[in-house]
Amino acid sequence: MSFLLKMSIIVAITLTTLSVSAQRFPAISTEAPDRSEVNLPSDLSGKKSILFLAFTKEAEEMLENWYAPVYTMFIDKSGFNAMAYDCHVKLVMMFTGLGQSVSENIMDKIRSNVDEEMNNYLLFYQGDFKEHMQDLDLKKKDDAYVFVLDEEGKIIFHDSGRYSESKLEKIADLVEL
């Protein structure tokens, strides 16, 4: 591959990331497992935040590889990382389109089975998200998405797909105290 082609690809990737990263995360109303309302991103202001979005079962399965490393790095307060990171971490289960019709049953099952400690990290969204998907450059509902927001709710990083150490390192660099 020629040098010019490589540089063009790097510029295109950078511009795509910057176009999403320069904006504020859309205001959405979510529900915690205890049925309390959590407004994103406003209720997370004051701290950097890591948001994971899952629209489908396939996306949720993709996120499963993230759980242990994210817990160890950002949530577990008993280790060394507790001194290095102070950020919000949220998994948002997205019920949009036809998924809304079965969302209450699924949310009730999740509520009854979720580990109590994880209640602070799980949110449910029900509603239309099509316009926001375009704004955020979300291409496929079957992908898992991760966003890092600054203290004001502006997107400073976003990615999609499966867990990788390089993605986690990038996120850690962005939310480090």
N, C-alpha and C. Protein backbone atom coordinates (compact mmCIF):
# COMPACT_ATOMS: atom_id res chain seq x y z
N MET A 1 0.85 -1.17 0.00
CA MET A 1 0.00 0.00 0.00
C MET A 1 0.90 1.23 0.00
N SER A 2 0.58 2.16 -0.86
CA SER A 2 1.41 3.36 -0.98
C SER A 2 1.29 4.24 0.26
N PHE A 3 2.29 5.06 0.47
CA PHE A 3 2.30 5.97 1.60
C PHE A 3 1.12 6.93 1.53
N LEU A 4 0.82 7.44 0.35
CA LEU A 4 -0.28 8.39 0.18
C LEU A 4 -1.61 7.75 0.52
N LEU A 5 -1.83 6.51 0.10
CA LEU A 5 -3.07 5.80 0.42
C LEU A 5 -3.19 5.57 1.92
N LYS A 6 -2.08 5.17 2.57
CA LYS A 6 -2.10 4.97 4.01
C LYS A 6 -2.46 6.26 4.73
N MET A 7 -1.87 7.36 4.33
CA MET A 7 -2.15 8.65 4.97
C MET A 7 -3.60 9.06 4.75
N SER A 8 -4.15 8.80 3.57
CA SER A 8 -5.56 9.13 3.29
C SER A 8 -6.49 8.36 4.21
N ILE A 9 -6.18 7.09 4.44
CA ILE A 9 -7.00 6.26 5.32
C ILE A 9 -6.92 6.79 6.75
N ILE A 10 -5.74 7.13 7.22
CA ILE A 10 -5.58 7.66 8.58
C ILE A 10 -6.36 8.96 8.74
N VAL A 11 -6.29 9.85 7.76
CA VAL A 11 -7.02 11.12 7.82
C VAL A 11 -8.52 10.86 7.85
N ALA A 12 -9.01 9.93 7.03
CA ALA A 12 -10.45 9.62 7.00
C ALA A 12 -10.93 9.08 8.33
N ILE A 13 -10.16 8.18 8.93
CA ILE A 13 -10.52 7.62 10.23
C ILE A 13 -10.53 8.71 11.29
N THR A 14 -9.54 9.56 11.29
CA THR A 14 -9.45 10.65 12.26
C THR A 14 -10.62 11.60 12.12
N LEU A 15 -10.97 11.97 10.89
CA LEU A 15 -12.09 12.89 10.68
C LEU A 15 -13.40 12.27 11.13
N THR A 16 -13.60 10.98 10.89
CA THR A 16 -14.82 10.30 11.35
C THR A 16 -14.90 10.34 12.87
N THR A 17 -13.79 10.04 13.55
CA THR A 17 -13.78 10.06 15.01
C THR A 17 -14.01 11.47 15.53
N LEU A 18 -13.40 12.47 14.91
CA LEU A 18 -13.57 13.85 15.38
C LEU A 18 -14.99 14.34 15.19
N SER A 19 -15.65 13.94 14.10
CA SER A 19 -17.00 14.43 13.87
C SER A 19 -17.96 13.97 14.96
N VAL A 20 -17.78 12.76 15.46
CA VAL A 20 -18.62 12.26 16.54
C VAL A 20 -18.12 12.80 17.88
N SER A 21 -16.79 12.87 18.02
CA SER A 21 -16.22 13.25 19.30
C SER A 21 -16.46 14.71 19.67
N ALA A 22 -16.73 15.55 18.71
CA ALA A 22 -16.90 16.97 19.00
C ALA A 22 -18.29 17.29 19.53
N GLN A 23 -19.15 16.32 19.62
CA GLN A 23 -20.53 16.60 20.01
C GLN A 23 -20.87 16.07 21.39
N ARG A 24 -21.95 16.59 21.90
CA ARG A 24 -22.47 16.15 23.19
C ARG A 24 -23.29 14.87 22.97
N PHE A 25 -23.22 13.96 23.92
CA PHE A 25 -24.03 12.75 23.84
C PHE A 25 -25.50 13.16 23.91
N PRO A 26 -26.38 12.55 23.10
CA PRO A 26 -27.78 12.98 23.09
C PRO A 26 -28.46 12.78 24.44
N ALA A 27 -29.32 13.71 24.78
CA ALA A 27 -30.07 13.63 26.04
C ALA A 27 -31.14 12.55 25.91
N ILE A 28 -31.04 11.53 26.77
CA ILE A 28 -32.04 10.46 26.78
C ILE A 28 -32.40 10.15 28.23
N SER A 29 -33.63 9.72 28.41
CA SER A 29 -34.11 9.34 29.73
C SER A 29 -34.05 7.82 29.83
N THR A 30 -33.34 7.32 30.83
CA THR A 30 -33.20 5.88 31.04
C THR A 30 -33.78 5.52 32.40
N GLU A 31 -33.86 4.23 32.64
CA GLU A 31 -34.40 3.73 33.90
C GLU A 31 -33.39 2.77 34.52
N ALA A 32 -33.14 2.94 35.80
CA ALA A 32 -32.27 2.02 36.54
C ALA A 32 -33.08 0.79 36.95
N PRO A 33 -32.41 -0.29 37.36
CA PRO A 33 -33.14 -1.49 37.80
C PRO A 33 -34.13 -1.22 38.93
N ASP A 34 -33.86 -0.21 39.77
CA ASP A 34 -34.80 0.11 40.85
C ASP A 34 -35.94 1.02 40.38
N ARG A 35 -36.05 1.20 39.07
CA ARG A 35 -37.09 1.99 38.39
C ARG A 35 -36.91 3.50 38.55
N SER A 36 -35.80 3.95 39.09
CA SER A 36 -35.55 5.39 39.17
C SER A 36 -35.09 5.89 37.80
N GLU A 37 -35.39 7.15 37.53
CA GLU A 37 -35.05 7.75 36.25
C GLU A 37 -33.61 8.28 36.29
N VAL A 38 -32.87 8.01 35.23
CA VAL A 38 -31.51 8.54 35.08
C VAL A 38 -31.44 9.20 33.71
N ASN A 39 -31.18 10.50 33.72
CA ASN A 39 -31.09 11.26 32.47
C ASN A 39 -29.63 11.34 32.02
N LEU A 40 -29.41 10.81 30.82
CA LEU A 40 -28.06 10.86 30.26
C LEU A 40 -27.98 12.02 29.28
N PRO A 41 -26.89 12.72 29.23
CA PRO A 41 -25.72 12.60 30.10
C PRO A 41 -25.77 13.49 31.34
N SER A 42 -26.84 14.27 31.50
CA SER A 42 -26.86 15.30 32.56
C SER A 42 -26.68 14.73 33.96
N ASP A 43 -27.24 13.56 34.27
CA ASP A 43 -27.10 13.00 35.62
C ASP A 43 -25.69 12.45 35.88
N LEU A 44 -24.86 12.44 34.85
CA LEU A 44 -23.50 11.95 35.00
C LEU A 44 -22.48 13.08 35.04
N SER A 45 -22.95 14.32 35.00
CA SER A 45 -22.03 15.46 34.91
C SER A 45 -21.14 15.53 36.14
N GLY A 46 -19.99 16.11 35.94
CA GLY A 46 -19.03 16.25 37.03
C GLY A 46 -17.95 15.20 37.03
N LYS A 47 -18.19 14.07 36.36
CA LYS A 47 -17.19 13.01 36.24
C LYS A 47 -17.17 12.54 34.79
N LYS A 48 -16.04 12.03 34.38
CA LYS A 48 -16.00 11.37 33.08
C LYS A 48 -16.83 10.10 33.18
N SER A 49 -17.36 9.68 32.05
CA SER A 49 -18.26 8.52 32.04
C SER A 49 -17.93 7.58 30.89
N ILE A 50 -18.10 6.31 31.15
CA ILE A 50 -17.96 5.28 30.13
C ILE A 50 -19.34 4.67 29.95
N LEU A 51 -19.86 4.77 28.73
CA LEU A 51 -21.18 4.23 28.43
C LEU A 51 -21.04 3.10 27.42
N PHE A 52 -21.65 1.97 27.72
CA PHE A 52 -21.74 0.86 26.78
C PHE A 52 -23.19 0.78 26.33
N LEU A 53 -23.42 0.70 25.02
CA LEU A 53 -24.77 0.57 24.49
C LEU A 53 -24.92 -0.78 23.82
N ALA A 54 -26.01 -1.47 24.13
CA ALA A 54 -26.33 -2.76 23.49
C ALA A 54 -27.78 -2.71 23.02
N PHE A 55 -27.98 -2.85 21.71
CA PHE A 55 -29.32 -2.81 21.12
C PHE A 55 -29.93 -4.20 20.95
N THR A 56 -29.09 -5.23 20.84
CA THR A 56 -29.58 -6.58 20.55
C THR A 56 -28.86 -7.59 21.44
N LYS A 57 -29.39 -8.81 21.42
CA LYS A 57 -28.75 -9.90 22.17
C LYS A 57 -27.32 -10.13 21.65
N GLU A 58 -27.13 -10.01 20.35
CA GLU A 58 -25.80 -10.19 19.77
C GLU A 58 -24.83 -9.13 20.31
N ALA A 59 -25.30 -7.91 20.42
CA ALA A 59 -24.47 -6.83 20.96
C ALA A 59 -24.16 -7.08 22.43
N GLU A 60 -25.15 -7.55 23.16
CA GLU A 60 -24.95 -7.85 24.58
C GLU A 60 -23.91 -8.95 24.75
N GLU A 61 -23.98 -9.97 23.89
CA GLU A 61 -22.99 -11.05 23.94
C GLU A 61 -21.59 -10.54 23.62
N MET A 62 -21.52 -9.57 22.70
CA MET A 62 -20.24 -8.96 22.35
C MET A 62 -19.64 -8.23 23.55
N LEU A 63 -20.50 -7.65 24.38
CA LEU A 63 -20.04 -6.91 25.55
C LEU A 63 -19.57 -7.81 26.69
N GLU A 64 -19.95 -9.07 26.68
CA GLU A 64 -19.60 -9.96 27.78
C GLU A 64 -18.10 -10.01 28.04
N ASN A 65 -17.29 -9.89 26.98
CA ASN A 65 -15.83 -9.91 27.16
C ASN A 65 -15.31 -8.63 27.81
N TRP A 66 -16.11 -7.59 27.82
CA TRP A 66 -15.72 -6.32 28.46
C TRP A 66 -15.90 -6.36 29.97
N TYR A 67 -16.86 -7.14 30.46
CA TYR A 67 -17.29 -7.04 31.85
C TYR A 67 -16.16 -7.20 32.87
N ALA A 68 -15.42 -8.29 32.81
CA ALA A 68 -14.37 -8.54 33.81
C ALA A 68 -13.27 -7.47 33.77
N PRO A 69 -12.71 -7.14 32.61
CA PRO A 69 -11.66 -6.12 32.62
C PRO A 69 -12.17 -4.74 33.03
N VAL A 70 -13.39 -4.37 32.64
CA VAL A 70 -13.95 -3.08 33.03
C VAL A 70 -14.20 -3.06 34.53
N TYR A 71 -14.73 -4.14 35.07
CA TYR A 71 -14.96 -4.22 36.52
C TYR A 71 -13.63 -4.04 37.26
N THR A 72 -12.62 -4.81 36.87
CA THR A 72 -11.33 -4.76 37.53
C THR A 72 -10.70 -3.38 37.43
N MET A 73 -10.80 -2.77 36.27
CA MET A 73 -10.12 -1.50 36.02
C MET A 73 -10.84 -0.31 36.66
N PHE A 74 -12.18 -0.25 36.55
CA PHE A 74 -12.89 0.97 36.90
C PHE A 74 -13.89 0.87 38.06
N ILE A 75 -14.34 -0.33 38.38
CA ILE A 75 -15.41 -0.47 39.36
C ILE A 75 -14.91 -1.00 40.70
N ASP A 76 -14.06 -2.01 40.68
CA ASP A 76 -13.56 -2.64 41.90
C ASP A 76 -12.75 -1.62 42.71
N LYS A 77 -13.24 -1.26 43.87
CA LYS A 77 -12.59 -0.24 44.70
C LYS A 77 -11.58 -0.83 45.68
N SER A 78 -11.36 -2.13 45.62
CA SER A 78 -10.45 -2.75 46.59
C SER A 78 -9.00 -2.79 46.10
N GLY A 79 -8.77 -2.52 44.83
CA GLY A 79 -7.42 -2.65 44.29
C GLY A 79 -6.76 -1.32 44.00
N PHE A 80 -5.62 -1.41 43.37
CA PHE A 80 -4.82 -0.24 43.01
C PHE A 80 -5.58 0.73 42.12
N ASN A 81 -6.38 0.20 41.22
CA ASN A 81 -7.08 1.06 40.26
C ASN A 81 -8.07 2.01 40.92
N ALA A 82 -8.50 1.72 42.13
CA ALA A 82 -9.44 2.60 42.83
C ALA A 82 -8.85 3.99 43.02
N MET A 83 -7.53 4.07 43.10
CA MET A 83 -6.88 5.37 43.28
C MET A 83 -6.66 6.09 41.95
N ALA A 84 -6.69 5.36 40.86
CA ALA A 84 -6.35 5.95 39.56
C ALA A 84 -7.57 6.41 38.77
N TYR A 85 -8.75 5.84 39.06
CA TYR A 85 -9.93 6.13 38.25
C TYR A 85 -11.13 6.48 39.13
N ASP A 86 -11.82 7.53 38.73
CA ASP A 86 -13.08 7.90 39.38
C ASP A 86 -14.02 8.35 38.26
N CYS A 87 -14.76 7.41 37.74
CA CYS A 87 -15.64 7.71 36.60
C CYS A 87 -16.93 6.90 36.73
N HIS A 88 -17.94 7.35 36.02
CA HIS A 88 -19.19 6.59 35.93
C HIS A 88 -19.00 5.49 34.87
N VAL A 89 -19.57 4.33 35.13
CA VAL A 89 -19.59 3.24 34.15
C VAL A 89 -21.04 2.79 34.05
N LYS A 90 -21.58 2.79 32.84
CA LYS A 90 -22.98 2.41 32.64
C LYS A 90 -23.12 1.51 31.42
N LEU A 91 -23.87 0.45 31.60
CA LEU A 91 -24.30 -0.41 30.49
C LEU A 91 -25.74 -0.04 30.23
N VAL A 92 -26.02 0.43 29.02
CA VAL A 92 -27.38 0.84 28.67
C VAL A 92 -27.97 -0.18 27.71
N MET A 93 -28.98 -0.89 28.19
CA MET A 93 -29.70 -1.84 27.34
C MET A 93 -30.73 -1.04 26.55
N MET A 94 -30.60 -1.05 25.25
CA MET A 94 -31.42 -0.21 24.38
C MET A 94 -32.60 -1.01 23.81
N PHE A 95 -33.81 -0.61 24.14
CA PHE A 95 -35.01 -1.24 23.60
C PHE A 95 -35.66 -0.24 22.65
N THR A 96 -35.44 -0.47 21.37
CA THR A 96 -35.95 0.44 20.33
C THR A 96 -36.76 -0.37 19.33
N GLY A 97 -37.53 0.33 18.52
CA GLY A 97 -38.30 -0.35 17.47
C GLY A 97 -39.18 -1.44 18.04
N LEU A 98 -39.14 -2.61 17.40
CA LEU A 98 -39.96 -3.74 17.84
C LEU A 98 -39.57 -4.25 19.22
N GLY A 99 -38.33 -4.01 19.61
CA GLY A 99 -37.85 -4.45 20.92
C GLY A 99 -38.61 -3.84 22.08
N GLN A 100 -39.24 -2.69 21.84
CA GLN A 100 -39.99 -2.03 22.91
C GLN A 100 -41.19 -2.86 23.36
N SER A 101 -41.75 -3.64 22.44
CA SER A 101 -42.96 -4.40 22.77
C SER A 101 -42.70 -5.50 23.80
N VAL A 102 -41.48 -5.98 23.88
CA VAL A 102 -41.14 -7.04 24.84
C VAL A 102 -40.23 -6.54 25.95
N SER A 103 -39.96 -5.24 25.96
CA SER A 103 -38.96 -4.70 26.88
C SER A 103 -39.33 -4.89 28.35
N GLU A 104 -40.59 -4.70 28.73
CA GLU A 104 -40.96 -4.82 30.14
C GLU A 104 -40.66 -6.23 30.67
N ASN A 105 -41.01 -7.25 29.89
CA ASN A 105 -40.74 -8.64 30.31
C ASN A 105 -39.25 -8.88 30.46
N ILE A 106 -38.47 -8.41 29.49
CA ILE A 106 -37.02 -8.62 29.54
C ILE A 106 -36.42 -7.86 30.72
N MET A 107 -36.85 -6.61 30.91
CA MET A 107 -36.32 -5.82 32.02
C MET A 107 -36.67 -6.44 33.37
N ASP A 108 -37.87 -6.99 33.50
CA ASP A 108 -38.25 -7.65 34.75
C ASP A 108 -37.38 -8.87 35.01
N LYS A 109 -37.08 -9.64 33.97
CA LYS A 109 -36.21 -10.81 34.12
C LYS A 109 -34.81 -10.38 34.54
N ILE A 110 -34.31 -9.33 33.90
CA ILE A 110 -32.98 -8.84 34.25
C ILE A 110 -32.97 -8.34 35.69
N ARG A 111 -33.98 -7.56 36.06
CA ARG A 111 -34.07 -7.03 37.43
C ARG A 111 -34.03 -8.16 38.47
N SER A 112 -34.72 -9.24 38.20
CA SER A 112 -34.79 -10.33 39.18
C SER A 112 -33.52 -11.17 39.21
N ASN A 113 -32.69 -11.08 38.17
CA ASN A 113 -31.50 -11.91 38.11
C ASN A 113 -30.18 -11.15 38.26
N VAL A 114 -30.23 -9.84 38.17
CA VAL A 114 -28.98 -9.08 38.20
C VAL A 114 -28.41 -9.05 39.61
N ASP A 115 -27.10 -9.17 39.70
CA ASP A 115 -26.40 -9.08 40.96
C ASP A 115 -26.61 -7.68 41.53
N GLU A 116 -26.96 -7.59 42.81
CA GLU A 116 -27.30 -6.30 43.43
C GLU A 116 -26.21 -5.25 43.25
N GLU A 117 -24.97 -5.69 43.31
CA GLU A 117 -23.85 -4.76 43.15
C GLU A 117 -23.86 -4.09 41.76
N MET A 118 -24.38 -4.79 40.78
CA MET A 118 -24.37 -4.26 39.41
C MET A 118 -25.53 -3.31 39.14
N ASN A 119 -26.46 -3.18 40.05
CA ASN A 119 -27.60 -2.27 39.87
C ASN A 119 -27.17 -0.84 39.56
N ASN A 120 -26.06 -0.40 40.12
CA ASN A 120 -25.59 0.96 39.90
C ASN A 120 -25.00 1.18 38.51
N TYR A 121 -24.79 0.11 37.76
CA TYR A 121 -24.11 0.22 36.48
C TYR A 121 -24.99 -0.12 35.29
N LEU A 122 -26.22 -0.51 35.55
CA LEU A 122 -27.13 -0.95 34.49
C LEU A 122 -28.26 0.05 34.31
N LEU A 123 -28.57 0.36 33.05
CA LEU A 123 -29.68 1.24 32.72
C LEU A 123 -30.45 0.65 31.55
N PHE A 124 -31.73 1.03 31.48
CA PHE A 124 -32.59 0.61 30.37
C PHE A 124 -33.08 1.85 29.63
N TYR A 125 -33.08 1.76 28.32
CA TYR A 125 -33.65 2.84 27.50
C TYR A 125 -34.74 2.24 26.63
N GLN A 126 -35.91 2.90 26.60
CA GLN A 126 -37.00 2.50 25.72
C GLN A 126 -37.39 3.71 24.88
N GLY A 127 -37.42 3.55 23.59
CA GLY A 127 -37.85 4.66 22.74
C GLY A 127 -37.19 4.63 21.38
N ASP A 128 -37.40 5.71 20.66
CA ASP A 128 -36.84 5.85 19.33
C ASP A 128 -35.40 6.35 19.45
N PHE A 129 -34.51 5.76 18.70
CA PHE A 129 -33.11 6.17 18.76
C PHE A 129 -32.54 6.33 17.36
N LYS A 130 -33.38 6.19 16.34
CA LYS A 130 -32.91 6.20 14.95
C LYS A 130 -32.13 7.47 14.61
N GLU A 131 -32.67 8.63 14.98
CA GLU A 131 -32.00 9.90 14.68
C GLU A 131 -30.65 9.97 15.40
N HIS A 132 -30.62 9.53 16.64
CA HIS A 132 -29.37 9.56 17.41
C HIS A 132 -28.35 8.59 16.82
N MET A 133 -28.80 7.46 16.30
CA MET A 133 -27.88 6.51 15.69
C MET A 133 -27.12 7.16 14.54
N GLN A 134 -27.83 7.93 13.71
CA GLN A 134 -27.17 8.63 12.61
C GLN A 134 -26.21 9.68 13.13
N ASP A 135 -26.65 10.46 14.11
CA ASP A 135 -25.81 11.51 14.67
C ASP A 135 -24.53 10.94 15.28
N LEU A 136 -24.64 9.78 15.90
CA LEU A 136 -23.50 9.16 16.58
C LEU A 136 -22.70 8.21 15.69
N ASP A 137 -23.12 8.09 14.43
CA ASP A 137 -22.44 7.23 13.46
C ASP A 137 -22.47 5.76 13.89
N LEU A 138 -23.63 5.33 14.44
CA LEU A 138 -23.81 3.93 14.81
C LEU A 138 -24.40 3.22 13.60
N LYS A 139 -23.65 2.29 13.05
CA LYS A 139 -24.04 1.67 11.78
C LYS A 139 -24.93 0.45 11.94
N LYS A 140 -24.63 -0.40 12.94
CA LYS A 140 -25.35 -1.67 13.06
C LYS A 140 -25.83 -1.87 14.49
N LYS A 141 -27.08 -2.26 14.63
CA LYS A 141 -27.63 -2.52 15.97
C LYS A 141 -26.99 -3.75 16.62
N ASP A 142 -26.44 -4.65 15.82
CA ASP A 142 -25.84 -5.86 16.38
C ASP A 142 -24.43 -5.63 16.91
N ASP A 143 -23.90 -4.41 16.77
CA ASP A 143 -22.60 -4.08 17.34
C ASP A 143 -22.77 -3.56 18.75
N ALA A 144 -21.77 -3.77 19.57
CA ALA A 144 -21.71 -3.17 20.89
C ALA A 144 -20.95 -1.85 20.74
N TYR A 145 -21.40 -0.83 21.43
CA TYR A 145 -20.79 0.50 21.31
C TYR A 145 -20.31 0.97 22.67
N VAL A 146 -19.17 1.65 22.66
CA VAL A 146 -18.63 2.25 23.88
C VAL A 146 -18.34 3.72 23.60
N PHE A 147 -18.75 4.56 24.56
CA PHE A 147 -18.50 5.99 24.49
C PHE A 147 -17.82 6.42 25.78
N VAL A 148 -16.88 7.33 25.66
CA VAL A 148 -16.32 8.00 26.83
C VAL A 148 -16.75 9.45 26.72
N LEU A 149 -17.37 9.94 27.80
CA LEU A 149 -17.83 11.32 27.85
C LEU A 149 -16.98 12.10 28.84
N ASP A 150 -16.77 13.37 28.53
CA ASP A 150 -16.10 14.23 29.50
C ASP A 150 -17.08 14.65 30.58
N GLU A 151 -16.65 15.50 31.48
CA GLU A 151 -17.47 15.90 32.63
C GLU A 151 -18.74 16.65 32.23
N GLU A 152 -18.77 17.21 31.02
CA GLU A 152 -19.94 17.95 30.54
C GLU A 152 -20.82 17.12 29.60
N GLY A 153 -20.46 15.87 29.37
CA GLY A 153 -21.26 15.01 28.51
C GLY A 153 -20.87 15.03 27.05
N LYS A 154 -19.74 15.63 26.74
CA LYS A 154 -19.24 15.63 25.36
C LYS A 154 -18.48 14.34 25.09
N ILE A 155 -18.66 13.82 23.90
CA ILE A 155 -18.01 12.57 23.52
C ILE A 155 -16.54 12.84 23.24
N ILE A 156 -15.68 12.14 23.97
CA ILE A 156 -14.24 12.28 23.73
C ILE A 156 -13.65 11.01 23.11
N PHE A 157 -14.45 9.94 23.05
CA PHE A 157 -14.01 8.70 22.42
C PHE A 157 -15.24 7.85 22.14
N HIS A 158 -15.20 7.15 21.03
CA HIS A 158 -16.22 6.13 20.78
C HIS A 158 -15.62 5.03 19.93
N ASP A 159 -16.14 3.83 20.14
CA ASP A 159 -15.69 2.67 19.37
C ASP A 159 -16.82 1.65 19.37
N SER A 160 -16.62 0.60 18.63
CA SER A 160 -17.62 -0.46 18.58
C SER A 160 -16.93 -1.80 18.51
N GLY A 161 -17.70 -2.84 18.77
CA GLY A 161 -17.18 -4.19 18.62
C GLY A 161 -16.73 -4.83 19.92
N ARG A 162 -15.98 -5.87 19.75
CA ARG A 162 -15.53 -6.69 20.87
C ARG A 162 -14.43 -6.00 21.68
N TYR A 163 -14.24 -6.51 22.88
CA TYR A 163 -13.19 -6.04 23.78
C TYR A 163 -11.82 -6.27 23.16
N SER A 164 -10.93 -5.32 23.41
CA SER A 164 -9.50 -5.53 23.15
C SER A 164 -8.73 -4.74 24.19
N GLU A 165 -7.53 -5.19 24.48
CA GLU A 165 -6.71 -4.48 25.46
C GLU A 165 -6.41 -3.06 25.00
N SER A 166 -6.18 -2.89 23.70
CA SER A 166 -5.85 -1.55 23.21
C SER A 166 -7.03 -0.58 23.40
N LYS A 167 -8.26 -1.05 23.22
CA LYS A 167 -9.43 -0.20 23.45
C LYS A 167 -9.52 0.17 24.93
N LEU A 168 -9.32 -0.82 25.81
CA LEU A 168 -9.40 -0.56 27.24
C LEU A 168 -8.30 0.41 27.67
N GLU A 169 -7.11 0.27 27.14
CA GLU A 169 -6.01 1.18 27.47
C GLU A 169 -6.34 2.61 27.04
N LYS A 170 -6.90 2.76 25.88
CA LYS A 170 -7.29 4.09 25.39
C LYS A 170 -8.32 4.71 26.32
N ILE A 171 -9.32 3.92 26.70
CA ILE A 171 -10.37 4.41 27.63
C ILE A 171 -9.74 4.78 28.97
N ALA A 172 -8.86 3.92 29.48
CA ALA A 172 -8.21 4.18 30.77
C ALA A 172 -7.41 5.47 30.72
N ASP A 173 -6.70 5.72 29.63
CA ASP A 173 -5.94 6.96 29.49
C ASP A 173 -6.84 8.18 29.55
N LEU A 174 -8.05 8.05 28.99
CA LEU A 174 -8.96 9.18 28.93
C LEU A 174 -9.64 9.49 30.27
N VAL A 175 -9.85 8.48 31.09
CA VAL A 175 -10.57 8.71 32.36
C VAL A 175 -9.66 8.73 33.58
N GLU A 176 -8.37 8.54 33.38
CA GLU A 176 -7.43 8.54 34.50
C GLU A 176 -7.46 9.89 35.22
N LEU A 177 -7.35 9.83 36.54
CA LEU A 177 -7.36 11.06 37.36
C LEU A 177 -6.11 11.88 37.13
